[in-house]
Every structure is written in structure tokens, then in C-alpha cells.
Amino acid sequence: MERRADVRDTYDRIATHFAATREYAWPEVESFLESVPHGVVGLDLGCGNCRHAEGLADRVDRVVGLDVSRGLLETGRERAHDRTFDVDLVQGDAATLPLRDGVVDVAVYVATLHHLPSRPARLASLDELARVLAPDGRALVSAWSTAHDRFDADAGFDTTIEWTLPDGETVDRFYHIYDPDEFETDLEDSGLEILEWELSSGNCYATVTVDR
């Protein structure tokens, strides 16, 4: 729990500058959203500044944006206000989601799983995503991988990567860098079923549903 609190404190510290560098939705997320049916409830898990919640708002009646960092949630609130879309913001842990079973029709869980500092926490988070997905729900899950050009490794590993603030101060951010087979294994060991997956721009992406 202490290391997960460290992740929260890190993103509270860099929230404003971090959000300013995350203006646009990832093309992989846009493609996913175009391919899934409209729904009632959408979830942006690890929502940050809500750039992907904004896209979800066009697909569903209600969007929930969840993040562990209160600082990032404030940047999401500002974006939603400025761009006039609705999102219900919740501060919470990705491994213990404060949502009822089976209520989410569409979910986006990108660039967050790799910040959870242990495999049990990552698996618990994937199981939680499975729990809240509706029977026909769909989610896009992504994580940074060893296929990225900046890494020279065949197996997954833990590391820290510096974030540099405008004043030159550096802040370490925890990452678990997945190898692609490990990413697939963690999904298969959870309550999710893989519908398709790919490597793109150094990230693993999987479209998943509830494992029946």
C-alpha cells in the first residue's frame, strides 16, 4: 500500500505540468471507441486530465473518470468545464473500484496498469475491471512494453523513469515494463477475455470483455 501511495503522491506533485503535455487522445483509443457500440456507462480508469473521458462522452450517457491523484482529477475537471462535456470524477484505487458489478458498458484503461507496483495489485485491478464490466461490455487495456525502442530487455522488469518539471526538478515515476507475453498472461490469469491485442508505439494494447 505504501508504494501505491507513493504513486499517488508523485502524480499529485507533477499533475499540472503532466496534464499540460497530454492534450490529445491516443489514436488507438480513438479507433477503439469508434469500433464499440454506444452504451449507458463508460469508465476512464486512470483518467488523468480526462482526454479519453472526453471521447467516451460521445459514446455513452454517463462517464466516470477515476484516478488515484486528486491533482490530476482537478485538471480533468478543468478540461471538462472548458470543453463542455460531463464526467463524474472519483478519486480511487484501480485495484479496488468503488463501482457496482456489471455497470460499465465501455472502459478505457490506458497507461495506468504499469504504474501499479506489484503483480498482485495489477491482477487485482484487471479482476476489478472484469467485475464492473457488463456481460457484453468492452474495454481497452494498455501498458508500456519491452518492445519500446528505449528499452533493451526480453523480460518484464520494474524501473523508475524521471519526469522533469519546468524548474528542472526531476521526479521518479514507478513503471512495470511488460514483455508482451507477460501482458497476455496477466490478462488471461484475470477475469477478462482477450478479444484482440496488438503492439503499437511500444505499448501492448488489448481489447477485452468479461471471461465467460
C-alpha atoms as a PDB file:
ATOM      1  CA  MET A   1       0.000   0.000   0.000  1.00  0.00           C
ATOM      2  CA  GLU A   2       2.862   2.396   0.807  1.00  0.00           C
ATOM      3  CA  ARG A   3       4.275   2.163  -2.723  1.00  0.00           C
ATOM      4  CA  ARG A   4       0.814   2.729  -4.195  1.00  0.00           C
ATOM      5  CA  ALA A   5       0.555   5.845  -2.024  1.00  0.00           C
ATOM      6  CA  ASP A   6       3.905   6.896  -3.476  1.00  0.00           C
ATOM      7  CA  VAL A   7       2.414   6.685  -6.981  1.00  0.00           C
ATOM      8  CA  ARG A   8      -0.478   8.905  -5.883  1.00  0.00           C
ATOM      9  CA  ASP A   9       1.870  11.449  -4.287  1.00  0.00           C
ATOM     10  CA  THR A  10       4.090  11.507  -7.383  1.00  0.00           C
ATOM     11  CA  TYR A  11       1.214  12.375  -9.694  1.00  0.00           C
ATOM     12  CA  ASP A  12      -0.206  14.935  -7.292  1.00  0.00           C
ATOM     13  CA  ARG A  13       3.196  16.597  -7.404  1.00  0.00           C
ATOM     14  CA  ILE A  14       3.508  16.738 -11.198  1.00  0.00           C
ATOM     15  CA  ALA A  15      -0.210  16.919 -12.077  1.00  0.00           C
ATOM     16  CA  THR A  16      -0.439  20.371 -13.655  1.00  0.00           C
ATOM     17  CA  HIS A  17       2.669  20.038 -15.819  1.00  0.00           C
ATOM     18  CA  PHE A  18       1.912  16.414 -16.717  1.00  0.00           C
ATOM     19  CA  ALA A  19      -1.642  17.224 -17.800  1.00  0.00           C
ATOM     20  CA  ALA A  20      -0.427  20.098 -19.960  1.00  0.00           C
ATOM     21  CA  THR A  21       1.604  17.618 -22.038  1.00  0.00           C
ATOM     22  CA  ARG A  22      -1.358  15.258 -22.537  1.00  0.00           C
ATOM     23  CA  GLU A  23      -3.621  17.274 -24.804  1.00  0.00           C
ATOM     24  CA  TYR A  24      -4.810  14.724 -27.358  1.00  0.00           C
ATOM     25  CA  ALA A  25      -6.389  11.284 -27.191  1.00  0.00           C
ATOM     26  CA  TRP A  26      -4.229   8.413 -28.392  1.00  0.00           C
ATOM     27  CA  PRO A  27      -5.195   7.212 -31.908  1.00  0.00           C
ATOM     28  CA  GLU A  28      -5.509   3.648 -30.594  1.00  0.00           C
ATOM     29  CA  VAL A  29      -8.129   4.849 -28.121  1.00  0.00           C
ATOM     30  CA  GLU A  30      -9.992   6.763 -30.811  1.00  0.00           C
ATOM     31  CA  SER A  31     -10.052   3.652 -33.021  1.00  0.00           C
ATOM     32  CA  PHE A  32     -11.318   1.526 -30.138  1.00  0.00           C
ATOM     33  CA  LEU A  33     -14.101   3.976 -29.325  1.00  0.00           C
ATOM     34  CA  GLU A  34     -15.208   4.075 -32.953  1.00  0.00           C
ATOM     35  CA  SER A  35     -15.470   0.283 -33.002  1.00  0.00           C
ATOM     36  CA  VAL A  36     -17.577  -0.273 -29.880  1.00  0.00           C
ATOM     37  CA  PRO A  37     -21.336   0.198 -29.553  1.00  0.00           C
ATOM     38  CA  HIS A  38     -22.810   3.125 -27.676  1.00  0.00           C
ATOM     39  CA  GLY A  39     -23.627   2.393 -24.059  1.00  0.00           C
ATOM     40  CA  VAL A  40     -25.072   3.776 -20.849  1.00  0.00           C
ATOM     41  CA  VAL A  41     -21.974   3.969 -18.638  1.00  0.00           C
ATOM     42  CA  GLY A  42     -18.350   4.486 -19.649  1.00  0.00           C
ATOM     43  CA  LEU A  43     -15.281   4.308 -17.415  1.00  0.00           C
ATOM     44  CA  ASP A  44     -11.957   6.073 -17.911  1.00  0.00           C
ATOM     45  CA  LEU A  45      -9.762   4.176 -15.449  1.00  0.00           C
ATOM     46  CA  GLY A  46      -6.677   6.202 -14.623  1.00  0.00           C
ATOM     47  CA  CYS A  47      -8.344   9.162 -16.277  1.00  0.00           C
ATOM     48  CA  GLY A  48      -5.669  11.815 -15.642  1.00  0.00           C
ATOM     49  CA  ASN A  49      -6.781  15.015 -17.355  1.00  0.00           C
ATOM     50  CA  CYS A  50      -9.807  13.271 -18.955  1.00  0.00           C
ATOM     51  CA  ARG A  51      -8.599  13.475 -22.552  1.00  0.00           C
ATOM     52  CA  HIS A  52     -10.045   9.997 -23.123  1.00  0.00           C
ATOM     53  CA  ALA A  53     -13.129  10.609 -20.979  1.00  0.00           C
ATOM     54  CA  GLU A  54     -13.935  13.340 -23.477  1.00  0.00           C
ATOM     55  CA  GLY A  55     -14.103  10.743 -26.258  1.00  0.00           C
ATOM     56  CA  LEU A  56     -16.143   8.404 -24.086  1.00  0.00           C
ATOM     57  CA  ALA A  57     -18.667  11.189 -23.514  1.00  0.00           C
ATOM     58  CA  ASP A  58     -19.615  10.938 -27.195  1.00  0.00           C
ATOM     59  CA  ARG A  59     -20.333   7.202 -26.870  1.00  0.00           C
ATOM     60  CA  VAL A  60     -22.195   6.794 -23.576  1.00  0.00           C
ATOM     61  CA  ASP A  61     -24.836   8.520 -21.473  1.00  0.00           C
ATOM     62  CA  ARG A  62     -22.650   8.803 -18.370  1.00  0.00           C
ATOM     63  CA  VAL A  63     -18.858   8.837 -17.953  1.00  0.00           C
ATOM     64  CA  VAL A  64     -16.992   8.018 -14.752  1.00  0.00           C
ATOM     65  CA  GLY A  65     -13.384   9.181 -14.567  1.00  0.00           C
ATOM     66  CA  LEU A  66     -11.351   7.528 -11.817  1.00  0.00           C
ATOM     67  CA  ASP A  67      -7.814   8.385 -10.784  1.00  0.00           C
ATOM     68  CA  VAL A  68      -5.750   7.969  -7.629  1.00  0.00           C
ATOM     69  CA  SER A  69      -4.390  11.519  -7.936  1.00  0.00           C
ATOM     70  CA  ARG A  70      -6.552  14.383  -6.719  1.00  0.00           C
ATOM     71  CA  GLY A  71      -4.272  16.787  -8.572  1.00  0.00           C
ATOM     72  CA  LEU A  72      -4.915  15.052 -11.898  1.00  0.00           C
ATOM     73  CA  LEU A  73      -8.646  14.934 -11.204  1.00  0.00           C
ATOM     74  CA  GLU A  74      -8.602  18.715 -10.826  1.00  0.00           C
ATOM     75  CA  THR A  75      -7.033  19.026 -14.284  1.00  0.00           C
ATOM     76  CA  GLY A  76      -9.768  16.719 -15.601  1.00  0.00           C
ATOM     77  CA  ARG A  77     -12.437  18.880 -14.004  1.00  0.00           C
ATOM     78  CA  GLU A  78     -10.979  21.949 -15.702  1.00  0.00           C
ATOM     79  CA  ARG A  79     -10.872  20.219 -19.093  1.00  0.00           C
ATOM     80  CA  ALA A  80     -14.474  19.042 -18.790  1.00  0.00           C
ATOM     81  CA  HIS A  81     -15.583  22.556 -17.897  1.00  0.00           C
ATOM     82  CA  ASP A  82     -13.601  24.202 -20.699  1.00  0.00           C
ATOM     83  CA  ARG A  83     -14.759  21.698 -23.327  1.00  0.00           C
ATOM     84  CA  THR A  84     -18.306  21.320 -22.025  1.00  0.00           C
ATOM     85  CA  PHE A  85     -18.537  17.572 -21.562  1.00  0.00           C
ATOM     86  CA  ASP A  86     -19.864  15.773 -18.481  1.00  0.00           C
ATOM     87  CA  VAL A  87     -17.812  13.389 -16.364  1.00  0.00           C
ATOM     88  CA  ASP A  88     -18.293  12.118 -12.820  1.00  0.00           C
ATOM     89  CA  LEU A  89     -14.853  12.275 -11.207  1.00  0.00           C
ATOM     90  CA  VAL A  90     -13.882   9.822  -8.481  1.00  0.00           C
ATOM     91  CA  GLN A  91     -10.648   9.534  -6.519  1.00  0.00           C
ATOM     92  CA  GLY A  92      -9.914   5.857  -6.063  1.00  0.00           C
ATOM     93  CA  ASP A  93      -7.563   2.894  -6.353  1.00  0.00           C
ATOM     94  CA  ALA A  94      -7.586   0.957  -9.633  1.00  0.00           C
ATOM     95  CA  ALA A  95      -7.344  -2.287  -7.652  1.00  0.00           C
ATOM     96  CA  THR A  96     -10.475  -1.594  -5.555  1.00  0.00           C
ATOM     97  CA  LEU A  97     -13.013   0.132  -7.783  1.00  0.00           C
ATOM     98  CA  PRO A  98     -15.921   1.862  -5.990  1.00  0.00           C
ATOM     99  CA  LEU A  99     -18.445   0.694  -8.615  1.00  0.00           C
ATOM    100  CA  ARG A 100     -21.186  -1.934  -8.643  1.00  0.00           C
ATOM    101  CA  ASP A 101     -20.825  -5.205 -10.525  1.00  0.00           C
ATOM    102  CA  GLY A 102     -21.593  -5.180 -14.234  1.00  0.00           C
ATOM    103  CA  VAL A 103     -22.433  -1.493 -14.666  1.00  0.00           C
ATOM    104  CA  VAL A 104     -19.785  -0.425 -17.217  1.00  0.00           C
ATOM    105  CA  ASP A 105     -20.502  -0.813 -20.935  1.00  0.00           C
ATOM    106  CA  VAL A 106     -17.284   0.732 -22.300  1.00  0.00           C
ATOM    107  CA  ALA A 107     -13.979   1.246 -20.479  1.00  0.00           C
ATOM    108  CA  VAL A 108     -10.612   2.727 -21.317  1.00  0.00           C
ATOM    109  CA  TYR A 109      -7.706   1.646 -19.107  1.00  0.00           C
ATOM    110  CA  VAL A 110      -4.568   3.017 -20.740  1.00  0.00           C
ATOM    111  CA  ALA A 111      -1.116   3.946 -19.425  1.00  0.00           C
ATOM    112  CA  THR A 112      -2.087   3.173 -15.832  1.00  0.00           C
ATOM    113  CA  LEU A 113      -1.790  -0.570 -15.191  1.00  0.00           C
ATOM    114  CA  HIS A 114       2.006  -0.331 -15.461  1.00  0.00           C
ATOM    115  CA  HIS A 115       2.120   2.106 -12.512  1.00  0.00           C
ATOM    116  CA  LEU A 116       0.755  -0.457 -10.026  1.00  0.00           C
ATOM    117  CA  PRO A 117       3.840  -1.622  -8.137  1.00  0.00           C
ATOM    118  CA  SER A 118       3.207  -5.372  -7.774  1.00  0.00           C
ATOM    119  CA  ARG A 119       1.794  -8.216  -9.837  1.00  0.00           C
ATOM    120  CA  PRO A 120      -0.920  -8.983  -7.230  1.00  0.00           C
ATOM    121  CA  ALA A 121      -2.070  -5.356  -7.456  1.00  0.00           C
ATOM    122  CA  ARG A 122      -2.082  -5.452 -11.264  1.00  0.00           C
ATOM    123  CA  LEU A 123      -4.052  -8.709 -11.336  1.00  0.00           C
ATOM    124  CA  ALA A 124      -6.478  -7.368  -8.732  1.00  0.00           C
ATOM    125  CA  SER A 125      -7.004  -4.310 -10.921  1.00  0.00           C
ATOM    126  CA  LEU A 126      -7.719  -6.427 -14.006  1.00  0.00           C
ATOM    127  CA  ASP A 127     -10.137  -8.553 -11.951  1.00  0.00           C
ATOM    128  CA  GLU A 128     -11.861  -5.374 -10.771  1.00  0.00           C
ATOM    129  CA  LEU A 129     -12.231  -4.220 -14.367  1.00  0.00           C
ATOM    130  CA  ALA A 130     -13.817  -7.593 -15.189  1.00  0.00           C
ATOM    131  CA  ARG A 131     -16.149  -7.279 -12.203  1.00  0.00           C
ATOM    132  CA  VAL A 132     -17.531  -3.874 -13.202  1.00  0.00           C
ATOM    133  CA  LEU A 133     -17.871  -4.638 -16.937  1.00  0.00           C
ATOM    134  CA  ALA A 134     -21.325  -5.522 -18.173  1.00  0.00           C
ATOM    135  CA  PRO A 135     -21.678  -9.011 -19.744  1.00  0.00           C
ATOM    136  CA  ASP A 136     -21.310  -7.539 -23.239  1.00  0.00           C
ATOM    137  CA  GLY A 137     -19.016  -4.709 -22.145  1.00  0.00           C
ATOM    138  CA  ARG A 138     -15.746  -3.898 -23.862  1.00  0.00           C
ATOM    139  CA  ALA A 139     -12.537  -2.363 -22.538  1.00  0.00           C
ATOM    140  CA  LEU A 140      -9.215  -1.283 -23.987  1.00  0.00           C
ATOM    141  CA  VAL A 141      -6.224  -2.034 -21.748  1.00  0.00           C
ATOM    142  CA  SER A 142      -2.701  -0.817 -22.463  1.00  0.00           C
ATOM    143  CA  ALA A 143       0.717  -0.895 -20.821  1.00  0.00           C
ATOM    144  CA  TRP A 144       4.226   0.138 -21.752  1.00  0.00           C
ATOM    145  CA  SER A 145       6.295  -2.781 -23.027  1.00  0.00           C
ATOM    146  CA  THR A 146       9.788  -4.032 -23.684  1.00  0.00           C
ATOM    147  CA  ALA A 147       9.025  -3.590 -27.394  1.00  0.00           C
ATOM    148  CA  HIS A 148       9.565   0.155 -26.956  1.00  0.00           C
ATOM    149  CA  ASP A 149      12.743   1.491 -28.581  1.00  0.00           C
ATOM    150  CA  ARG A 150      14.050   2.922 -25.316  1.00  0.00           C
ATOM    151  CA  PHE A 151      14.309  -0.493 -23.643  1.00  0.00           C
ATOM    152  CA  ASP A 152      16.749  -3.330 -24.259  1.00  0.00           C
ATOM    153  CA  ALA A 153      15.168  -6.237 -22.398  1.00  0.00           C
ATOM    154  CA  ASP A 154      13.431  -9.504 -23.200  1.00  0.00           C
ATOM    155  CA  ALA A 155      11.637  -9.943 -19.874  1.00  0.00           C
ATOM    156  CA  GLY A 156       9.377  -7.614 -17.949  1.00  0.00           C
ATOM    157  CA  PHE A 157      11.003  -5.500 -15.252  1.00  0.00           C
ATOM    158  CA  ASP A 158      10.384  -2.743 -12.706  1.00  0.00           C
ATOM    159  CA  THR A 159      12.003   0.641 -13.145  1.00  0.00           C
ATOM    160  CA  THR A 160      11.632   4.338 -12.415  1.00  0.00           C
ATOM    161  CA  ILE A 161      11.520   6.986 -15.123  1.00  0.00           C
ATOM    162  CA  GLU A 162      12.158  10.641 -14.384  1.00  0.00           C
ATOM    163  CA  TRP A 163       9.659  13.406 -15.023  1.00  0.00           C
ATOM    164  CA  THR A 164      11.286  16.835 -15.350  1.00  0.00           C
ATOM    165  CA  LEU A 165       9.305  19.799 -14.054  1.00  0.00           C
ATOM    166  CA  PRO A 166       9.640  23.269 -15.614  1.00  0.00           C
ATOM    167  CA  ASP A 167      12.073  24.382 -12.880  1.00  0.00           C
ATOM    168  CA  GLY A 168      14.377  21.459 -13.683  1.00  0.00           C
ATOM    169  CA  GLU A 169      13.389  19.348 -10.687  1.00  0.00           C
ATOM    170  CA  THR A 170      13.098  15.649 -11.505  1.00  0.00           C
ATOM    171  CA  VAL A 171      10.521  13.289 -10.030  1.00  0.00           C
ATOM    172  CA  ASP A 172      10.821   9.498 -10.281  1.00  0.00           C
ATOM    173  CA  ARG A 173       7.765   7.601 -11.544  1.00  0.00           C
ATOM    174  CA  PHE A 174       7.392   3.850 -10.990  1.00  0.00           C
ATOM    175  CA  TYR A 175       6.764   1.639 -14.031  1.00  0.00           C
ATOM    176  CA  HIS A 176       6.439  -2.070 -14.573  1.00  0.00           C
ATOM    177  CA  ILE A 177       7.580  -2.603 -18.158  1.00  0.00           C
ATOM    178  CA  TYR A 178       5.704  -5.594 -19.531  1.00  0.00           C
ATOM    179  CA  ASP A 179       7.084  -8.024 -22.015  1.00  0.00           C
ATOM    180  CA  PRO A 180       4.241  -8.799 -24.468  1.00  0.00           C
ATOM    181  CA  ASP A 181       3.850 -12.442 -23.419  1.00  0.00           C
ATOM    182  CA  GLU A 182       3.664 -11.395 -19.773  1.00  0.00           C
ATOM    183  CA  PHE A 183       0.963  -8.836 -20.596  1.00  0.00           C
ATOM    184  CA  GLU A 184      -1.092 -11.515 -22.328  1.00  0.00           C
ATOM    185  CA  THR A 185      -0.558 -13.910 -19.417  1.00  0.00           C
ATOM    186  CA  ASP A 186      -1.749 -11.383 -16.838  1.00  0.00           C
ATOM    187  CA  LEU A 187      -4.901 -10.759 -18.857  1.00  0.00           C
ATOM    188  CA  GLU A 188      -5.518 -14.487 -19.229  1.00  0.00           C
ATOM    189  CA  ASP A 189      -4.985 -15.005 -15.477  1.00  0.00           C
ATOM    190  CA  SER A 190      -7.609 -12.379 -14.689  1.00  0.00           C
ATOM    191  CA  GLY A 191     -11.363 -12.385 -15.118  1.00  0.00           C
ATOM    192  CA  LEU A 192     -11.027 -10.866 -18.584  1.00  0.00           C
ATOM    193  CA  GLU A 193     -11.182 -12.465 -22.010  1.00  0.00           C
ATOM    194  CA  ILE A 194      -8.905 -11.149 -24.756  1.00  0.00           C
ATOM    195  CA  LEU A 195     -10.754 -10.359 -27.972  1.00  0.00           C
ATOM    196  CA  GLU A 196      -7.742  -8.939 -29.793  1.00  0.00           C
ATOM    197  CA  TRP A 197      -4.409  -7.420 -28.973  1.00  0.00           C
ATOM    198  CA  GLU A 198      -1.524  -5.661 -30.678  1.00  0.00           C
ATOM    199  CA  LEU A 199       1.755  -3.855 -30.199  1.00  0.00           C
ATOM    200  CA  SER A 200       1.682  -0.202 -31.190  1.00  0.00           C
ATOM    201  CA  SER A 201       4.193   2.589 -30.479  1.00  0.00           C
ATOM    202  CA  GLY A 202       5.938   0.493 -27.846  1.00  0.00           C
ATOM    203  CA  ASN A 203       2.731  -0.316 -25.972  1.00  0.00           C
ATOM    204  CA  CYS A 204       0.718  -3.501 -25.564  1.00  0.00           C
ATOM    205  CA  TYR A 205      -2.973  -2.987 -26.319  1.00  0.00           C
ATOM    206  CA  ALA A 206      -5.772  -5.476 -25.724  1.00  0.00           C
ATOM    207  CA  THR A 207      -9.498  -5.246 -26.340  1.00  0.00           C
ATOM    208  CA  VAL A 208     -11.144  -7.329 -23.648  1.00  0.00           C
ATOM    209  CA  THR A 209     -14.505  -8.398 -22.322  1.00  0.00           C
ATOM    210  CA  VAL A 210     -15.682 -10.423 -19.335  1.00  0.00           C
ATOM    211  CA  ASP A 211     -14.419 -14.003 -19.347  1.00  0.00           C
ATOM    212  CA  ARG A 212     -17.432 -16.260 -19.532  1.00  0.00           C
END
